[in-house]
Amino acid sequence: MLALVKKPHIEISIHGEHVDELLAWIKKKYDVTVLANDQYPEDESVSIESTEYWQEMEKNRIGNLLAGARLKAGLTQTQLAEKLGIRQNMVSDYEHGRRTYSDAMAKRLSKTLKVKEEHLKYGSE
């Protein structure tokens, strides 16, 4: 069984005895979506690309990559903005897809966040 726990986003795979009991216990505290269940035929499974979650994430891929890199660096939007000499709302706009950043800004972001510039443009392979 593959389950997705929302907020915090955790993906877990559960196998063995008492899976349903464990899942019921987790559901008491977290909002859980079961992505695949070994008990059901494969034709009932859906590809991740066809889910609403995936489609929403793909709409703002670049912004999500930036937010992920910022969080991995342990920075808030305000801290990143200060390091770049820009306003916090610009970082927010980049992350939410309301504003696109230039190649020059991608270079500054990559240097500040210590990630490859290509990662902030296209994602990693």
N, C-alpha and C. Protein backbone atom coordinates (compact mmCIF):
# COMPACT_ATOMS: atom_id res chain seq x y z
N MET A 1 0.85 -1.17 0.00
CA MET A 1 0.00 0.00 0.00
C MET A 1 0.89 1.23 0.00
N LEU A 2 0.55 2.19 -0.83
CA LEU A 2 1.28 3.45 -0.88
C LEU A 2 0.32 4.54 -0.44
N ALA A 3 0.70 5.27 0.61
CA ALA A 3 -0.17 6.31 1.16
C ALA A 3 0.56 7.63 1.17
N LEU A 4 -0.18 8.71 1.02
CA LEU A 4 0.36 10.06 1.06
C LEU A 4 -0.27 10.78 2.22
N VAL A 5 0.55 11.25 3.15
CA VAL A 5 0.07 12.01 4.30
C VAL A 5 0.31 13.48 3.97
N LYS A 6 -0.76 14.26 3.97
CA LYS A 6 -0.66 15.68 3.64
C LYS A 6 -0.40 16.48 4.91
N LYS A 7 0.45 17.47 4.83
CA LYS A 7 0.77 18.41 5.91
C LYS A 7 1.20 17.70 7.17
N PRO A 8 2.39 17.36 7.40
CA PRO A 8 3.48 17.54 6.46
C PRO A 8 3.40 16.50 5.36
N HIS A 9 3.95 16.82 4.21
CA HIS A 9 3.92 15.92 3.06
C HIS A 9 4.89 14.77 3.31
N ILE A 10 4.34 13.60 3.53
CA ILE A 10 5.14 12.40 3.76
C ILE A 10 4.57 11.30 2.89
N GLU A 11 5.43 10.62 2.18
CA GLU A 11 4.98 9.48 1.40
C GLU A 11 5.53 8.23 2.06
N ILE A 12 4.65 7.29 2.36
CA ILE A 12 5.08 6.06 3.01
C ILE A 12 4.56 4.85 2.26
N SER A 13 5.29 3.77 2.37
CA SER A 13 4.88 2.50 1.79
C SER A 13 4.74 1.53 2.95
N ILE A 14 3.59 0.92 3.08
CA ILE A 14 3.31 0.03 4.20
C ILE A 14 3.03 -1.36 3.66
N HIS A 15 3.73 -2.35 4.20
CA HIS A 15 3.54 -3.74 3.78
C HIS A 15 3.50 -4.62 5.02
N GLY A 16 2.87 -5.75 4.92
CA GLY A 16 2.86 -6.71 6.02
C GLY A 16 1.52 -6.79 6.71
N GLU A 17 1.58 -7.33 7.93
CA GLU A 17 0.37 -7.52 8.71
C GLU A 17 -0.09 -6.20 9.33
N HIS A 18 -1.37 -6.10 9.59
CA HIS A 18 -1.99 -4.98 10.31
C HIS A 18 -1.84 -3.63 9.60
N VAL A 19 -1.75 -3.66 8.27
CA VAL A 19 -1.63 -2.43 7.50
C VAL A 19 -2.85 -1.53 7.72
N ASP A 20 -4.04 -2.12 7.69
CA ASP A 20 -5.26 -1.32 7.85
C ASP A 20 -5.32 -0.66 9.22
N GLU A 21 -4.86 -1.38 10.26
CA GLU A 21 -4.86 -0.82 11.62
C GLU A 21 -3.89 0.36 11.70
N LEU A 22 -2.71 0.20 11.12
CA LEU A 22 -1.72 1.27 11.15
C LEU A 22 -2.22 2.49 10.39
N LEU A 23 -2.82 2.25 9.23
CA LEU A 23 -3.35 3.35 8.44
C LEU A 23 -4.47 4.08 9.19
N ALA A 24 -5.33 3.33 9.87
CA ALA A 24 -6.40 3.94 10.65
C ALA A 24 -5.82 4.81 11.76
N TRP A 25 -4.75 4.36 12.39
CA TRP A 25 -4.10 5.13 13.45
C TRP A 25 -3.51 6.43 12.90
N ILE A 26 -2.85 6.35 11.73
CA ILE A 26 -2.27 7.54 11.10
C ILE A 26 -3.36 8.53 10.71
N LYS A 27 -4.50 8.01 10.21
CA LYS A 27 -5.60 8.87 9.78
C LYS A 27 -6.21 9.67 10.92
N LYS A 28 -6.02 9.22 12.17
CA LYS A 28 -6.55 9.97 13.31
C LYS A 28 -5.88 11.33 13.45
N LYS A 29 -4.63 11.42 13.03
CA LYS A 29 -3.87 12.65 13.20
C LYS A 29 -3.67 13.43 11.89
N TYR A 30 -3.60 12.71 10.77
CA TYR A 30 -3.26 13.34 9.49
C TYR A 30 -4.31 13.06 8.43
N ASP A 31 -4.38 13.98 7.46
CA ASP A 31 -5.20 13.78 6.28
C ASP A 31 -4.41 12.85 5.35
N VAL A 32 -4.94 11.70 5.05
CA VAL A 32 -4.20 10.68 4.30
C VAL A 32 -4.91 10.37 3.00
N THR A 33 -4.14 10.25 1.93
CA THR A 33 -4.65 9.79 0.65
C THR A 33 -3.92 8.51 0.29
N VAL A 34 -4.65 7.44 0.02
CA VAL A 34 -4.03 6.19 -0.39
C VAL A 34 -3.85 6.26 -1.90
N LEU A 35 -2.58 6.19 -2.33
CA LEU A 35 -2.28 6.30 -3.76
C LEU A 35 -2.39 4.95 -4.46
N ALA A 36 -2.05 3.88 -3.78
CA ALA A 36 -2.14 2.55 -4.37
C ALA A 36 -2.33 1.56 -3.25
N ASN A 37 -3.08 0.52 -3.52
CA ASN A 37 -3.34 -0.49 -2.51
C ASN A 37 -3.16 -1.85 -3.16
N ASP A 38 -2.27 -2.66 -2.61
CA ASP A 38 -1.97 -3.97 -3.18
C ASP A 38 -3.17 -4.91 -3.13
N GLN A 39 -4.16 -4.59 -2.32
CA GLN A 39 -5.33 -5.46 -2.19
C GLN A 39 -6.26 -5.35 -3.40
N TYR A 40 -6.09 -4.30 -4.19
CA TYR A 40 -6.98 -4.07 -5.32
C TYR A 40 -6.25 -4.30 -6.64
N PRO A 41 -6.97 -4.67 -7.66
CA PRO A 41 -6.33 -4.89 -8.96
C PRO A 41 -5.62 -3.64 -9.47
N GLU A 42 -4.59 -3.84 -10.28
CA GLU A 42 -3.81 -2.71 -10.79
C GLU A 42 -4.64 -1.75 -11.62
N ASP A 43 -5.70 -2.24 -12.26
CA ASP A 43 -6.48 -1.35 -13.11
C ASP A 43 -7.22 -0.28 -12.30
N GLU A 44 -7.28 -0.44 -10.97
CA GLU A 44 -7.88 0.58 -10.13
C GLU A 44 -6.87 1.65 -9.73
N SER A 45 -5.59 1.41 -9.98
CA SER A 45 -4.56 2.39 -9.67
C SER A 45 -4.54 3.46 -10.75
N VAL A 46 -4.11 4.65 -10.39
CA VAL A 46 -3.99 5.72 -11.37
C VAL A 46 -2.55 6.21 -11.39
N SER A 47 -2.11 6.67 -12.53
CA SER A 47 -0.76 7.21 -12.61
C SER A 47 -0.72 8.54 -11.88
N ILE A 48 0.41 8.85 -11.29
CA ILE A 48 0.56 10.09 -10.54
C ILE A 48 0.33 11.30 -11.44
N GLU A 49 0.72 11.17 -12.72
CA GLU A 49 0.57 12.29 -13.66
C GLU A 49 -0.88 12.67 -13.91
N SER A 50 -1.81 11.75 -13.64
CA SER A 50 -3.22 12.06 -13.89
C SER A 50 -3.93 12.62 -12.67
N THR A 51 -3.21 12.73 -11.55
CA THR A 51 -3.84 13.24 -10.34
C THR A 51 -3.89 14.76 -10.34
N GLU A 52 -4.86 15.29 -9.61
CA GLU A 52 -4.99 16.74 -9.47
C GLU A 52 -3.75 17.34 -8.83
N TYR A 53 -3.22 16.63 -7.83
CA TYR A 53 -2.02 17.10 -7.12
C TYR A 53 -0.87 17.30 -8.10
N TRP A 54 -0.60 16.32 -8.94
CA TRP A 54 0.50 16.40 -9.90
C TRP A 54 0.28 17.55 -10.88
N GLN A 55 -0.92 17.64 -11.39
CA GLN A 55 -1.22 18.69 -12.37
C GLN A 55 -1.06 20.08 -11.76
N GLU A 56 -1.46 20.23 -10.51
CA GLU A 56 -1.30 21.51 -9.82
C GLU A 56 0.18 21.82 -9.62
N MET A 57 0.96 20.82 -9.23
CA MET A 57 2.39 21.02 -9.01
C MET A 57 3.10 21.37 -10.32
N GLU A 58 2.71 20.77 -11.42
CA GLU A 58 3.33 21.03 -12.71
C GLU A 58 3.04 22.43 -13.24
N LYS A 59 1.90 23.00 -12.84
CA LYS A 59 1.56 24.35 -13.28
C LYS A 59 2.61 25.36 -12.84
N ASN A 60 3.21 25.10 -11.70
CA ASN A 60 4.19 26.04 -11.15
C ASN A 60 5.48 25.30 -10.80
N ARG A 61 5.97 24.52 -11.72
CA ARG A 61 7.16 23.69 -11.47
C ARG A 61 8.37 24.53 -11.02
N ILE A 62 8.64 25.62 -11.72
CA ILE A 62 9.81 26.44 -11.41
C ILE A 62 9.68 27.04 -10.02
N GLY A 63 8.51 27.56 -9.69
CA GLY A 63 8.29 28.14 -8.36
C GLY A 63 8.44 27.10 -7.26
N ASN A 64 7.95 25.89 -7.52
CA ASN A 64 8.07 24.82 -6.53
C ASN A 64 9.52 24.39 -6.35
N LEU A 65 10.28 24.40 -7.45
CA LEU A 65 11.70 24.06 -7.35
C LEU A 65 12.44 25.11 -6.52
N LEU A 66 12.10 26.38 -6.74
CA LEU A 66 12.72 27.45 -5.97
C LEU A 66 12.37 27.32 -4.48
N ALA A 67 11.10 27.11 -4.19
CA ALA A 67 10.67 26.97 -2.79
C ALA A 67 11.39 25.78 -2.13
N GLY A 68 11.50 24.67 -2.86
CA GLY A 68 12.19 23.50 -2.33
C GLY A 68 13.65 23.78 -2.05
N ALA A 69 14.32 24.47 -2.96
CA ALA A 69 15.74 24.81 -2.76
C ALA A 69 15.91 25.75 -1.58
N ARG A 70 14.99 26.71 -1.45
CA ARG A 70 15.05 27.65 -0.33
C ARG A 70 14.87 26.94 1.00
N LEU A 71 13.88 26.06 1.07
CA LEU A 71 13.64 25.31 2.30
C LEU A 71 14.80 24.38 2.63
N LYS A 72 15.37 23.77 1.61
CA LYS A 72 16.52 22.89 1.82
C LYS A 72 17.71 23.68 2.38
N ALA A 73 17.83 24.92 1.96
CA ALA A 73 18.90 25.79 2.46
C ALA A 73 18.59 26.32 3.86
N GLY A 74 17.37 26.07 4.34
CA GLY A 74 17.00 26.51 5.68
C GLY A 74 16.70 27.99 5.79
N LEU A 75 16.23 28.56 4.69
CA LEU A 75 15.96 30.00 4.68
C LEU A 75 14.46 30.29 4.59
N THR A 76 14.06 31.38 5.20
CA THR A 76 12.71 31.88 5.00
C THR A 76 12.72 32.74 3.74
N GLN A 77 11.55 33.11 3.27
CA GLN A 77 11.48 34.00 2.11
C GLN A 77 12.16 35.33 2.44
N THR A 78 11.94 35.81 3.64
CA THR A 78 12.53 37.09 4.06
C THR A 78 14.05 37.01 4.07
N GLN A 79 14.59 35.92 4.61
CA GLN A 79 16.05 35.75 4.66
C GLN A 79 16.64 35.67 3.26
N LEU A 80 15.98 34.93 2.36
CA LEU A 80 16.47 34.84 0.98
C LEU A 80 16.42 36.21 0.32
N ALA A 81 15.33 36.92 0.52
CA ALA A 81 15.19 38.26 -0.08
C ALA A 81 16.30 39.18 0.41
N GLU A 82 16.62 39.13 1.69
CA GLU A 82 17.69 39.97 2.23
C GLU A 82 19.03 39.64 1.60
N LYS A 83 19.30 38.36 1.43
CA LYS A 83 20.57 37.94 0.81
C LYS A 83 20.67 38.40 -0.64
N LEU A 84 19.53 38.47 -1.32
CA LEU A 84 19.50 38.87 -2.72
C LEU A 84 19.34 40.38 -2.90
N GLY A 85 18.97 41.09 -1.83
CA GLY A 85 18.74 42.52 -1.93
C GLY A 85 17.45 42.86 -2.64
N ILE A 86 16.43 42.00 -2.47
CA ILE A 86 15.12 42.25 -3.07
C ILE A 86 14.07 42.19 -1.96
N ARG A 87 12.82 42.50 -2.31
CA ARG A 87 11.73 42.45 -1.33
C ARG A 87 11.23 41.01 -1.16
N GLN A 88 10.73 40.70 0.02
CA GLN A 88 10.20 39.36 0.32
C GLN A 88 9.05 39.00 -0.61
N ASN A 89 8.21 39.98 -0.95
CA ASN A 89 7.07 39.67 -1.81
C ASN A 89 7.51 39.24 -3.21
N MET A 90 8.71 39.64 -3.64
CA MET A 90 9.22 39.17 -4.94
C MET A 90 9.53 37.68 -4.87
N VAL A 91 10.13 37.25 -3.77
CA VAL A 91 10.42 35.82 -3.58
C VAL A 91 9.10 35.05 -3.58
N SER A 92 8.12 35.56 -2.87
CA SER A 92 6.80 34.93 -2.82
C SER A 92 6.19 34.84 -4.22
N ASP A 93 6.30 35.92 -4.97
CA ASP A 93 5.77 35.94 -6.34
C ASP A 93 6.47 34.90 -7.22
N TYR A 94 7.79 34.76 -7.08
CA TYR A 94 8.53 33.75 -7.84
C TYR A 94 8.02 32.35 -7.48
N GLU A 95 7.88 32.10 -6.19
CA GLU A 95 7.51 30.76 -5.72
C GLU A 95 6.07 30.39 -6.08
N HIS A 96 5.20 31.38 -6.16
CA HIS A 96 3.80 31.11 -6.47
C HIS A 96 3.47 31.27 -7.96
N GLY A 97 4.49 31.52 -8.78
CA GLY A 97 4.28 31.60 -10.22
C GLY A 97 3.63 32.89 -10.69
N ARG A 98 3.59 33.89 -9.85
CA ARG A 98 3.01 35.17 -10.25
C ARG A 98 4.02 36.04 -10.98
N ARG A 99 5.30 35.65 -10.90
CA ARG A 99 6.37 36.41 -11.52
C ARG A 99 7.44 35.40 -11.95
N THR A 100 8.01 35.61 -13.12
CA THR A 100 9.11 34.75 -13.56
C THR A 100 10.42 35.49 -13.35
N TYR A 101 11.46 34.73 -13.04
CA TYR A 101 12.75 35.39 -12.83
C TYR A 101 13.62 35.25 -14.07
N SER A 102 14.48 36.23 -14.25
CA SER A 102 15.37 36.29 -15.40
C SER A 102 16.51 35.29 -15.24
N ASP A 103 17.30 35.12 -16.30
CA ASP A 103 18.48 34.27 -16.23
C ASP A 103 19.48 34.82 -15.22
N ALA A 104 19.58 36.14 -15.15
CA ALA A 104 20.49 36.77 -14.18
C ALA A 104 20.03 36.47 -12.75
N MET A 105 18.73 36.54 -12.50
CA MET A 105 18.22 36.24 -11.17
C MET A 105 18.38 34.74 -10.87
N ALA A 106 18.20 33.89 -11.86
CA ALA A 106 18.41 32.45 -11.65
C ALA A 106 19.84 32.19 -11.21
N LYS A 107 20.78 32.91 -11.81
CA LYS A 107 22.19 32.77 -11.44
C LYS A 107 22.42 33.22 -10.00
N ARG A 108 21.81 34.34 -9.61
CA ARG A 108 21.94 34.84 -8.23
C ARG A 108 21.31 33.88 -7.24
N LEU A 109 20.14 33.36 -7.60
CA LEU A 109 19.45 32.41 -6.73
C LEU A 109 20.27 31.14 -6.54
N SER A 110 20.82 30.63 -7.64
CA SER A 110 21.59 29.39 -7.56
C SER A 110 22.84 29.56 -6.70
N LYS A 111 23.47 30.72 -6.82
CA LYS A 111 24.66 30.98 -6.01
C LYS A 111 24.29 31.09 -4.53
N THR A 112 23.22 31.80 -4.24
CA THR A 112 22.79 32.00 -2.86
C THR A 112 22.30 30.69 -2.22
N LEU A 113 21.56 29.90 -3.00
CA LEU A 113 20.99 28.66 -2.47
C LEU A 113 21.92 27.45 -2.64
N LYS A 114 23.05 27.68 -3.33
CA LYS A 114 24.05 26.62 -3.56
C LYS A 114 23.45 25.41 -4.28
N VAL A 115 22.74 25.71 -5.37
CA VAL A 115 22.21 24.67 -6.26
C VAL A 115 22.59 25.02 -7.68
N LYS A 116 22.59 24.04 -8.55
CA LYS A 116 22.90 24.30 -9.95
C LYS A 116 21.82 25.20 -10.56
N GLU A 117 22.27 26.11 -11.38
CA GLU A 117 21.35 27.05 -12.01
C GLU A 117 20.28 26.32 -12.82
N GLU A 118 20.66 25.23 -13.47
CA GLU A 118 19.73 24.45 -14.29
C GLU A 118 18.59 23.88 -13.43
N HIS A 119 18.89 23.58 -12.17
CA HIS A 119 17.87 23.04 -11.28
C HIS A 119 16.74 24.05 -11.07
N LEU A 120 17.07 25.31 -11.02
CA LEU A 120 16.06 26.34 -10.80
C LEU A 120 15.34 26.72 -12.07
N LYS A 121 15.82 26.25 -13.19
CA LYS A 121 15.17 26.54 -14.46
C LYS A 121 14.32 25.37 -14.93
N TYR A 122 14.87 24.18 -14.84
CA TYR A 122 14.21 23.03 -15.46
C TYR A 122 14.02 21.84 -14.53
N GLY A 123 14.62 21.86 -13.37
CA GLY A 123 14.57 20.70 -12.50
C GLY A 123 15.72 19.78 -12.78
N SER A 124 15.97 18.86 -11.88
CA SER A 124 17.08 17.94 -12.07
C SER A 124 16.59 16.69 -12.76
N GLU A 125 17.47 16.09 -13.51
CA GLU A 125 17.13 14.87 -14.23
C GLU A 125 17.06 13.70 -13.28
